[in-house]
PDB file of N, CA and C in Angstrom:
ATOM      1  N   MET A   1      -7.015  23.445 -17.785  1.00  0.00           N
ATOM      2  CA  MET A   1      -6.968  22.996 -16.406  1.00  0.00           C
ATOM      3  C   MET A   1      -6.742  21.491 -16.401  1.00  0.00           C
ATOM      4  N   SER A   2      -5.848  21.033 -15.539  1.00  0.00           N
ATOM      5  CA  SER A   2      -5.585  19.596 -15.459  1.00  0.00           C
ATOM      6  C   SER A   2      -6.506  18.949 -14.438  1.00  0.00           C
ATOM      7  N   GLN A   3      -6.718  17.682 -14.624  1.00  0.00           N
ATOM      8  CA  GLN A   3      -7.583  16.937 -13.720  1.00  0.00           C
ATOM      9  C   GLN A   3      -6.762  15.845 -13.058  1.00  0.00           C
ATOM     10  N   ILE A   4      -6.912  15.695 -11.766  1.00  0.00           N
ATOM     11  CA  ILE A   4      -6.196  14.660 -11.026  1.00  0.00           C
ATOM     12  C   ILE A   4      -6.941  13.348 -11.183  1.00  0.00           C
ATOM     13  N   GLN A   5      -6.207  12.309 -11.555  1.00  0.00           N
ATOM     14  CA  GLN A   5      -6.801  10.993 -11.693  1.00  0.00           C
ATOM     15  C   GLN A   5      -6.609  10.207 -10.410  1.00  0.00           C
ATOM     16  N   SER A   6      -7.575   9.378 -10.082  1.00  0.00           N
ATOM     17  CA  SER A   6      -7.365   8.480  -8.947  1.00  0.00           C
ATOM     18  C   SER A   6      -6.417   7.379  -9.400  1.00  0.00           C
ATOM     19  N   ALA A   7      -5.809   6.717  -8.452  1.00  0.00           N
ATOM     20  CA  ALA A   7      -4.831   5.677  -8.769  1.00  0.00           C
ATOM     21  C   ALA A   7      -5.453   4.576  -9.619  1.00  0.00           C
ATOM     22  N   SER A   8      -6.714   4.245  -9.377  1.00  0.00           N
ATOM     23  CA  SER A   8      -7.342   3.167 -10.125  1.00  0.00           C
ATOM     24  C   SER A   8      -7.615   3.541 -11.573  1.00  0.00           C
ATOM     25  N   GLU A   9      -7.559   4.836 -11.929  1.00  0.00           N
ATOM     26  CA  GLU A   9      -7.779   5.271 -13.301  1.00  0.00           C
ATOM     27  C   GLU A   9      -6.492   5.300 -14.105  1.00  0.00           C
ATOM     28  N   LYS A  10      -5.360   5.149 -13.462  1.00  0.00           N
ATOM     29  CA  LYS A  10      -4.082   5.228 -14.157  1.00  0.00           C
ATOM     30  C   LYS A  10      -3.826   3.938 -14.929  1.00  0.00           C
ATOM     31  N   LEU A  11      -3.192   4.079 -16.072  1.00  0.00           N
ATOM     32  CA  LEU A  11      -2.931   2.924 -16.913  1.00  0.00           C
ATOM     33  C   LEU A  11      -1.888   1.991 -16.323  1.00  0.00           C
ATOM     34  N   ASP A  12      -0.949   2.520 -15.543  1.00  0.00           N
ATOM     35  CA  ASP A  12       0.128   1.693 -15.006  1.00  0.00           C
ATOM     36  C   ASP A  12      -0.148   1.221 -13.580  1.00  0.00           C
ATOM     37  N   PHE A  13      -1.391   1.279 -13.152  1.00  0.00           N
ATOM     38  CA  PHE A  13      -1.773   0.841 -11.814  1.00  0.00           C
ATOM     39  C   PHE A  13      -1.699  -0.683 -11.730  1.00  0.00           C
ATOM     40  N   GLU A  14      -1.083  -1.178 -10.663  1.00  0.00           N
ATOM     41  CA  GLU A  14      -0.949  -2.618 -10.469  1.00  0.00           C
ATOM     42  C   GLU A  14      -1.349  -3.003  -9.054  1.00  0.00           C
ATOM     43  N   THR A  15      -1.974  -4.153  -8.918  1.00  0.00           N
ATOM     44  CA  THR A  15      -2.213  -4.758  -7.617  1.00  0.00           C
ATOM     45  C   THR A  15      -1.558  -6.129  -7.635  1.00  0.00           C
ATOM     46  N   HIS A  16      -0.724  -6.381  -6.640  1.00  0.00           N
ATOM     47  CA  HIS A  16      -0.059  -7.678  -6.510  1.00  0.00           C
ATOM     48  C   HIS A  16      -0.485  -8.308  -5.190  1.00  0.00           C
ATOM     49  N   HIS A  17      -0.610  -9.613  -5.201  1.00  0.00           N
ATOM     50  CA  HIS A  17      -0.987 -10.357  -4.004  1.00  0.00           C
ATOM     51  C   HIS A  17       0.185 -11.235  -3.594  1.00  0.00           C
ATOM     52  N   MET A  18       0.485 -11.207  -2.312  1.00  0.00           N
ATOM     53  CA  MET A  18       1.555 -12.041  -1.764  1.00  0.00           C
ATOM     54  C   MET A  18       0.957 -12.956  -0.706  1.00  0.00           C
ATOM     55  N   LEU A  19       1.470 -14.154  -0.620  1.00  0.00           N
ATOM     56  CA  LEU A  19       1.073 -15.094   0.420  1.00  0.00           C
ATOM     57  C   LEU A  19       2.311 -15.421   1.238  1.00  0.00           C
ATOM     58  N   LEU A  20       2.305 -15.039   2.501  1.00  0.00           N
ATOM     59  CA  LEU A  20       3.424 -15.329   3.403  1.00  0.00           C
ATOM     60  C   LEU A  20       3.023 -16.497   4.290  1.00  0.00           C
ATOM     61  N   GLN A  21       3.875 -17.493   4.354  1.00  0.00           N
ATOM     62  CA  GLN A  21       3.551 -18.731   5.054  1.00  0.00           C
ATOM     63  C   GLN A  21       3.834 -18.703   6.553  1.00  0.00           C
ATOM     64  N   GLU A  22       4.625 -17.755   7.012  1.00  0.00           N
ATOM     65  CA  GLU A  22       4.999 -17.715   8.425  1.00  0.00           C
ATOM     66  C   GLU A  22       3.944 -16.989   9.255  1.00  0.00           C
ATOM     67  N   PRO A  23       3.169 -17.692  10.046  1.00  0.00           N
ATOM     68  CA  PRO A  23       2.187 -16.998  10.889  1.00  0.00           C
ATOM     69  C   PRO A  23       2.878 -16.220  12.010  1.00  0.00           C
ATOM     70  N   GLY A  24       2.331 -15.084  12.351  1.00  0.00           N
ATOM     71  CA  GLY A  24       2.883 -14.293  13.447  1.00  0.00           C
ATOM     72  C   GLY A  24       4.179 -13.579  13.119  1.00  0.00           C
ATOM     73  N   MET A  25       4.482 -13.429  11.846  1.00  0.00           N
ATOM     74  CA  MET A  25       5.706 -12.746  11.444  1.00  0.00           C
ATOM     75  C   MET A  25       5.647 -11.287  11.905  1.00  0.00           C
ATOM     76  N   PRO A  26       6.735 -10.770  12.485  1.00  0.00           N
ATOM     77  CA  PRO A  26       6.749  -9.369  12.906  1.00  0.00           C
ATOM     78  C   PRO A  26       6.495  -8.434  11.720  1.00  0.00           C
ATOM     79  N   PHE A  27       5.814  -7.322  11.998  1.00  0.00           N
ATOM     80  CA  PHE A  27       5.468  -6.373  10.944  1.00  0.00           C
ATOM     81  C   PHE A  27       6.705  -5.911  10.171  1.00  0.00           C
ATOM     82  N   ALA A  28       7.810  -5.687  10.856  1.00  0.00           N
ATOM     83  CA  ALA A  28       9.032  -5.230  10.185  1.00  0.00           C
ATOM     84  C   ALA A  28       9.492  -6.242   9.136  1.00  0.00           C
ATOM     85  N   ASP A  29       9.332  -7.530   9.419  1.00  0.00           N
ATOM     86  CA  ASP A  29       9.728  -8.564   8.462  1.00  0.00           C
ATOM     87  C   ASP A  29       8.771  -8.606   7.264  1.00  0.00           C
ATOM     88  N   VAL A  30       7.480  -8.456   7.547  1.00  0.00           N
ATOM     89  CA  VAL A  30       6.489  -8.397   6.468  1.00  0.00           C
ATOM     90  C   VAL A  30       6.801  -7.208   5.563  1.00  0.00           C
ATOM     91  N   SER A  31       7.017  -6.060   6.177  1.00  0.00           N
ATOM     92  CA  SER A  31       7.309  -4.840   5.432  1.00  0.00           C
ATOM     93  C   SER A  31       8.568  -4.995   4.572  1.00  0.00           C
ATOM     94  N   ALA A  32       9.582  -5.644   5.102  1.00  0.00           N
ATOM     95  CA  ALA A  32      10.830  -5.859   4.363  1.00  0.00           C
ATOM     96  C   ALA A  32      10.603  -6.761   3.146  1.00  0.00           C
ATOM     97  N   GLN A  33       9.788  -7.806   3.315  1.00  0.00           N
ATOM     98  CA  GLN A  33       9.507  -8.697   2.189  1.00  0.00           C
ATOM     99  C   GLN A  33       8.694  -7.987   1.114  1.00  0.00           C
ATOM    100  N   VAL A  34       7.756  -7.158   1.552  1.00  0.00           N
ATOM    101  CA  VAL A  34       6.950  -6.398   0.597  1.00  0.00           C
ATOM    102  C   VAL A  34       7.828  -5.391  -0.140  1.00  0.00           C
ATOM    103  N   LYS A  35       8.730  -4.752   0.581  1.00  0.00           N
ATOM    104  CA  LYS A  35       9.640  -3.796  -0.060  1.00  0.00           C
ATOM    105  C   LYS A  35      10.485  -4.485  -1.128  1.00  0.00           C
ATOM    106  N   THR A  36      10.972  -5.679  -0.830  1.00  0.00           N
ATOM    107  CA  THR A  36      11.747  -6.433  -1.805  1.00  0.00           C
ATOM    108  C   THR A  36      10.910  -6.707  -3.053  1.00  0.00           C
ATOM    109  N   ARG A  37       9.665  -7.119  -2.848  1.00  0.00           N
ATOM    110  CA  ARG A  37       8.756  -7.393  -3.983  1.00  0.00           C
ATOM    111  C   ARG A  37       8.498  -6.120  -4.779  1.00  0.00           C
ATOM    112  N   ALA A  38       8.243  -5.014  -4.082  1.00  0.00           N
ATOM    113  CA  ALA A  38       7.982  -3.744  -4.762  1.00  0.00           C
ATOM    114  C   ALA A  38       9.174  -3.319  -5.600  1.00  0.00           C
ATOM    115  N   ARG A  39      10.373  -3.505  -5.068  1.00  0.00           N
ATOM    116  CA  ARG A  39      11.589  -3.107  -5.788  1.00  0.00           C
ATOM    117  C   ARG A  39      11.878  -4.057  -6.960  1.00  0.00           C
ATOM    118  N   GLU A  40      11.372  -5.283  -6.918  1.00  0.00           N
ATOM    119  CA  GLU A  40      11.472  -6.171  -8.077  1.00  0.00           C
ATOM    120  C   GLU A  40      10.574  -5.661  -9.200  1.00  0.00           C
ATOM    121  N   ILE A  41       9.441  -5.108  -8.829  1.00  0.00           N
ATOM    122  CA  ILE A  41       8.482  -4.576  -9.800  1.00  0.00           C
ATOM    123  C   ILE A  41       8.989  -3.261 -10.384  1.00  0.00           C
ATOM    124  N   ASN A  42       9.511  -2.407  -9.507  1.00  0.00           N
ATOM    125  CA  ASN A  42      10.032  -1.105  -9.920  1.00  0.00           C
ATOM    126  C   ASN A  42      11.168  -0.743  -8.972  1.00  0.00           C
ATOM    127  N   LYS A  43      12.364  -0.603  -9.506  1.00  0.00           N
ATOM    128  CA  LYS A  43      13.546  -0.430  -8.652  1.00  0.00           C
ATOM    129  C   LYS A  43      13.497   0.824  -7.793  1.00  0.00           C
ATOM    130  N   ASP A  44      12.681   1.804  -8.156  1.00  0.00           N
ATOM    131  CA  ASP A  44      12.589   3.054  -7.403  1.00  0.00           C
ATOM    132  C   ASP A  44      11.282   3.188  -6.628  1.00  0.00           C
ATOM    133  N   ALA A  45      10.549   2.095  -6.463  1.00  0.00           N
ATOM    134  CA  ALA A  45       9.252   2.159  -5.773  1.00  0.00           C
ATOM    135  C   ALA A  45       9.405   2.747  -4.371  1.00  0.00           C
ATOM    136  N   MET A  46       8.486   3.633  -4.029  1.00  0.00           N
ATOM    137  CA  MET A  46       8.534   4.315  -2.733  1.00  0.00           C
ATOM    138  C   MET A  46       7.226   4.029  -1.977  1.00  0.00           C
ATOM    139  N   MET A  47       7.349   3.516  -0.752  1.00  0.00           N
ATOM    140  CA  MET A  47       6.160   3.236   0.047  1.00  0.00           C
ATOM    141  C   MET A  47       5.529   4.550   0.496  1.00  0.00           C
ATOM    142  N   LEU A  48       4.205   4.622   0.345  1.00  0.00           N
ATOM    143  CA  LEU A  48       3.463   5.804   0.765  1.00  0.00           C
ATOM    144  C   LEU A  48       2.692   5.565   2.062  1.00  0.00           C
ATOM    145  N   SER A  49       2.061   4.415   2.156  1.00  0.00           N
ATOM    146  CA  SER A  49       1.262   4.126   3.351  1.00  0.00           C
ATOM    147  C   SER A  49       1.042   2.628   3.458  1.00  0.00           C
ATOM    148  N   TRP A  50       0.515   2.213   4.615  1.00  0.00           N
ATOM    149  CA  TRP A  50       0.266   0.796   4.848  1.00  0.00           C
ATOM    150  C   TRP A  50      -0.873   0.621   5.845  1.00  0.00           C
ATOM    151  N   TYR A  51      -1.381  -0.613   5.883  1.00  0.00           N
ATOM    152  CA  TYR A  51      -2.421  -0.983   6.835  1.00  0.00           C
ATOM    153  C   TYR A  51      -2.101  -2.360   7.398  1.00  0.00           C
ATOM    154  N   ASN A  52      -2.219  -2.504   8.722  1.00  0.00           N
ATOM    155  CA  ASN A  52      -1.987  -3.758   9.429  1.00  0.00           C
ATOM    156  C   ASN A  52      -3.321  -4.180  10.042  1.00  0.00           C
ATOM    157  N   ASP A  53      -3.975  -5.165   9.447  1.00  0.00           N
ATOM    158  CA  ASP A  53      -5.289  -5.594   9.906  1.00  0.00           C
ATOM    159  C   ASP A  53      -5.240  -6.253  11.279  1.00  0.00           C
ATOM    160  N   HIS A  54      -4.121  -6.893  11.622  1.00  0.00           N
ATOM    161  CA  HIS A  54      -3.994  -7.539  12.934  1.00  0.00           C
ATOM    162  C   HIS A  54      -4.185  -6.521  14.061  1.00  0.00           C
ATOM    163  N   LEU A  55      -3.617  -5.347  13.877  1.00  0.00           N
ATOM    164  CA  LEU A  55      -3.687  -4.309  14.912  1.00  0.00           C
ATOM    165  C   LEU A  55      -4.739  -3.254  14.609  1.00  0.00           C
ATOM    166  N   GLY A  56      -5.315  -3.309  13.407  1.00  0.00           N
ATOM    167  CA  GLY A  56      -6.276  -2.287  13.006  1.00  0.00           C
ATOM    168  C   GLY A  56      -5.628  -0.916  12.882  1.00  0.00           C
ATOM    169  N   GLU A  57      -4.344  -0.904  12.499  1.00  0.00           N
ATOM    170  CA  GLU A  57      -3.589   0.338  12.402  1.00  0.00           C
ATOM    171  C   GLU A  57      -3.115   0.567  10.974  1.00  0.00           C
ATOM    172  N   GLY A  58      -3.024   1.821  10.625  1.00  0.00           N
ATOM    173  CA  GLY A  58      -2.473   2.196   9.339  1.00  0.00           C
ATOM    174  C   GLY A  58      -1.543   3.372   9.513  1.00  0.00           C
ATOM    175  N   TYR A  59      -0.744   3.606   8.481  1.00  0.00           N
ATOM    176  CA  TYR A  59       0.145   4.762   8.482  1.00  0.00           C
ATOM    177  C   TYR A  59      -0.033   5.495   7.165  1.00  0.00           C
ATOM    178  N   PRO A  60      -0.180   6.781   7.198  1.00  0.00           N
ATOM    179  CA  PRO A  60      -0.214   7.612   8.396  1.00  0.00           C
ATOM    180  C   PRO A  60      -1.543   7.439   9.133  1.00  0.00           C
ATOM    181  N   ASN A  61      -1.494   7.632  10.426  1.00  0.00           N
ATOM    182  CA  ASN A  61      -2.654   7.458  11.281  1.00  0.00           C
ATOM    183  C   ASN A  61      -3.215   8.833  11.628  1.00  0.00           C
ATOM    184  N   TYR A  62      -4.389   9.120  11.132  1.00  0.00           N
ATOM    185  CA  TYR A  62      -5.024  10.405  11.378  1.00  0.00           C
ATOM    186  C   TYR A  62      -6.523  10.193  11.361  1.00  0.00           C
ATOM    187  N   GLU A  63      -7.209  10.738  12.312  1.00  0.00           N
ATOM    188  CA  GLU A  63      -8.661  10.598  12.375  1.00  0.00           C
ATOM    189  C   GLU A  63      -9.310  11.537  11.365  1.00  0.00           C
ATOM    190  N   CYS A  64     -10.244  11.007  10.580  1.00  0.00           N
ATOM    191  CA  CYS A  64     -10.990  11.851   9.656  1.00  0.00           C
ATOM    192  C   CYS A  64     -12.402  11.288   9.521  1.00  0.00           C
ATOM    193  N   THR A  65     -13.266  12.064   8.947  1.00  0.00           N
ATOM    194  CA  THR A  65     -14.663  11.660   8.832  1.00  0.00           C
ATOM    195  C   THR A  65     -15.017  11.236   7.413  1.00  0.00           C
ATOM    196  N   HIS A  66     -14.042  10.967   6.598  1.00  0.00           N
ATOM    197  CA  HIS A  66     -14.251  10.539   5.221  1.00  0.00           C
ATOM    198  C   HIS A  66     -14.651   9.068   5.204  1.00  0.00           C
ATOM    199  N   GLU A  67     -15.268   8.621   4.102  1.00  0.00           N
ATOM    200  CA  GLU A  67     -15.702   7.227   4.019  1.00  0.00           C
ATOM    201  C   GLU A  67     -14.553   6.240   3.855  1.00  0.00           C
ATOM    202  N   LYS A  68     -13.374   6.734   3.479  1.00  0.00           N
ATOM    203  CA  LYS A  68     -12.194   5.874   3.360  1.00  0.00           C
ATOM    204  C   LYS A  68     -11.249   6.154   4.517  1.00  0.00           C
ATOM    205  N   PRO A  69     -10.453   5.148   4.902  1.00  0.00           N
ATOM    206  CA  PRO A  69      -9.450   5.391   5.947  1.00  0.00           C
ATOM    207  C   PRO A  69      -8.400   6.388   5.455  1.00  0.00           C
ATOM    208  N   PHE A  70      -7.823   7.117   6.394  1.00  0.00           N
ATOM    209  CA  PHE A  70      -6.876   8.164   6.030  1.00  0.00           C
ATOM    210  C   PHE A  70      -5.660   7.613   5.299  1.00  0.00           C
ATOM    211  N   TRP A  71      -5.166   6.452   5.722  1.00  0.00           N
ATOM    212  CA  TRP A  71      -3.982   5.893   5.077  1.00  0.00           C
ATOM    213  C   TRP A  71      -4.231   5.608   3.603  1.00  0.00           C
ATOM    214  N   GLU A  72      -5.454   5.242   3.238  1.00  0.00           N
ATOM    215  CA  GLU A  72      -5.788   5.009   1.832  1.00  0.00           C
ATOM    216  C   GLU A  72      -5.949   6.330   1.080  1.00  0.00           C
ATOM    217  N   MET A  73      -6.601   7.293   1.702  1.00  0.00           N
ATOM    218  CA  MET A  73      -6.752   8.613   1.082  1.00  0.00           C
ATOM    219  C   MET A  73      -5.391   9.271   0.872  1.00  0.00           C
ATOM    220  N   PHE A  74      -4.492   9.117   1.842  1.00  0.00           N
ATOM    221  CA  PHE A  74      -3.147   9.675   1.743  1.00  0.00           C
ATOM    222  C   PHE A  74      -2.441   9.138   0.496  1.00  0.00           C
ATOM    223  N   ALA A  75      -2.493   7.819   0.306  1.00  0.00           N
ATOM    224  CA  ALA A  75      -1.838   7.195  -0.852  1.00  0.00           C
ATOM    225  C   ALA A  75      -2.483   7.652  -2.158  1.00  0.00           C
ATOM    226  N   GLU A  76      -3.811   7.722  -2.184  1.00  0.00           N
ATOM    227  CA  GLU A  76      -4.502   8.176  -3.385  1.00  0.00           C
ATOM    228  C   GLU A  76      -4.122   9.605  -3.738  1.00  0.00           C
ATOM    229  N   SER A  77      -4.044  10.453  -2.730  1.00  0.00           N
ATOM    230  CA  SER A  77      -3.731  11.861  -2.996  1.00  0.00           C
ATOM    231  C   SER A  77      -2.311  12.038  -3.514  1.00  0.00           C
ATOM    232  N   ARG A  78      -1.464  11.059  -3.301  1.00  0.00           N
ATOM    233  CA  ARG A  78      -0.088  11.122  -3.786  1.00  0.00           C
ATOM    234  C   ARG A  78       0.121  10.290  -5.040  1.00  0.00           C
ATOM    235  N   GLY A  79      -0.990   9.767  -5.586  1.00  0.00           N
ATOM    236  CA  GLY A  79      -0.945   9.083  -6.874  1.00  0.00           C
ATOM    237  C   GLY A  79      -0.384   7.681  -6.849  1.00  0.00           C
ATOM    238  N   TYR A  80      -0.643   6.927  -5.782  1.00  0.00           N
ATOM    239  CA  TYR A  80      -0.088   5.567  -5.732  1.00  0.00           C
ATOM    240  C   TYR A  80      -0.468   4.803  -6.996  1.00  0.00           C
ATOM    241  N   ASN A  81       0.428   3.939  -7.430  1.00  0.00           N
ATOM    242  CA  ASN A  81       0.151   3.149  -8.619  1.00  0.00           C
ATOM    243  C   ASN A  81       0.573   1.685  -8.454  1.00  0.00           C
ATOM    244  N   LEU A  82       0.880   1.323  -7.219  1.00  0.00           N
ATOM    245  CA  LEU A  82       1.212  -0.064  -6.903  1.00  0.00           C
ATOM    246  C   LEU A  82       0.650  -0.386  -5.519  1.00  0.00           C
ATOM    247  N   LYS A  83      -0.175  -1.403  -5.483  1.00  0.00           N
ATOM    248  CA  LYS A  83      -0.782  -1.855  -4.221  1.00  0.00           C
ATOM    249  C   LYS A  83      -0.383  -3.307  -4.034  1.00  0.00           C
ATOM    250  N   ILE A  84       0.157  -3.614  -2.853  1.00  0.00           N
ATOM    251  CA  ILE A  84       0.547  -4.989  -2.554  1.00  0.00           C
ATOM    252  C   ILE A  84      -0.285  -5.460  -1.365  1.00  0.00           C
ATOM    253  N   VAL A  85      -1.052  -6.506  -1.605  1.00  0.00           N
ATOM    254  CA  VAL A  85      -1.953  -7.072  -0.600  1.00  0.00           C
ATOM    255  C   VAL A  85      -1.336  -8.377  -0.109  1.00  0.00           C
ATOM    256  N   VAL A  86      -1.138  -8.477   1.193  1.00  0.00           N
ATOM    257  CA  VAL A  86      -0.495  -9.643   1.786  1.00  0.00           C
ATOM    258  C   VAL A  86      -1.541 -10.487   2.507  1.00  0.00           C
ATOM    259  N   ASN A  87      -1.498 -11.783   2.251  1.00  0.00           N
ATOM    260  CA  ASN A  87      -2.384 -12.756   2.908  1.00  0.00           C
ATOM    261  C   ASN A  87      -3.843 -12.309   2.886  1.00  0.00           C
ATOM    262  N   GLU A  88      -4.308 -11.983   1.685  1.00  0.00           N
ATOM    263  CA  GLU A  88      -5.710 -11.639   1.448  1.00  0.00           C
ATOM    264  C   GLU A  88      -6.201 -10.480   2.317  1.00  0.00           C
ATOM    265  N   GLY A  89      -5.345  -9.514   2.580  1.00  0.00           N
ATOM    266  CA  GLY A  89      -5.762  -8.304   3.288  1.00  0.00           C
ATOM    267  C   GLY A  89      -5.264  -8.164   4.705  1.00  0.00           C
ATOM    268  N   GLU A  90      -4.449  -9.110   5.178  1.00  0.00           N
ATOM    269  CA  GLU A  90      -3.881  -8.950   6.521  1.00  0.00           C
ATOM    270  C   GLU A  90      -3.039  -7.680   6.591  1.00  0.00           C
ATOM    271  N   TYR A  91      -2.362  -7.411   5.481  1.00  0.00           N
ATOM    272  CA  TYR A  91      -1.557  -6.192   5.353  1.00  0.00           C
ATOM    273  C   TYR A  91      -1.795  -5.650   3.955  1.00  0.00           C
ATOM    274  N   ILE A  92      -1.810  -4.329   3.833  1.00  0.00           N
ATOM    275  CA  ILE A  92      -1.929  -3.671   2.533  1.00  0.00           C
ATOM    276  C   ILE A  92      -0.882  -2.558   2.499  1.00  0.00           C
ATOM    277  N   PHE A  93      -0.133  -2.529   1.416  1.00  0.00           N
ATOM    278  CA  PHE A  93       0.912  -1.520   1.234  1.00  0.00           C
ATOM    279  C   PHE A  93       0.654  -0.768  -0.064  1.00  0.00           C
ATOM    280  N   PHE A  94       0.787   0.544  -0.006  1.00  0.00           N
ATOM    281  CA  PHE A  94       0.612   1.404  -1.166  1.00  0.00           C
ATOM    282  C   PHE A  94       1.955   2.007  -1.538  1.00  0.00           C
ATOM    283  N   TYR A  95       2.326   1.869  -2.798  1.00  0.00           N
ATOM    284  CA  TYR A  95       3.604   2.360  -3.300  1.00  0.00           C
ATOM    285  C   TYR A  95       3.387   3.281  -4.490  1.00  0.00           C
ATOM    286  N   LEU A  96       4.402   4.092  -4.716  1.00  0.00           N
ATOM    287  CA  LEU A  96       4.469   4.922  -5.908  1.00  0.00           C
ATOM    288  C   LEU A  96       5.639   4.423  -6.728  1.00  0.00           C
ATOM    289  N   LYS A  97       5.343   3.963  -7.962  1.00  0.00           N
ATOM    290  CA  LYS A  97       6.408   3.566  -8.877  1.00  0.00           C
ATOM    291  C   LYS A  97       6.917   4.835  -9.540  1.00  0.00           C
ATOM    292  N   LEU A  98       8.184   5.118  -9.374  1.00  0.00           N
ATOM    293  CA  LEU A  98       8.752   6.337  -9.953  1.00  0.00           C
ATOM    294  C   LEU A  98       9.317   6.081 -11.332  1.00  0.00           C
TER     295      LEU A  98
END
């Protein structure tokens, strides 16, 4: 029987921190810059989920009673192995390096 590992247990798990200097940058622009960074790390990186602290919103957005937000559980269940944190947590993006 195989056992599913959490993303933090994987050997190729990475967390990268980005600092964006433009205050009030539209989310689409932030997302585009993060995508560029993710693709520099792994050319086939695929975004799984994200969190926008300014709006208190994440994707996918689903109400659940678990101790973690759904957007984080969603990424974990799909084996994310790349996390990009922007401006010390203003935005968090979860990617899968293929």
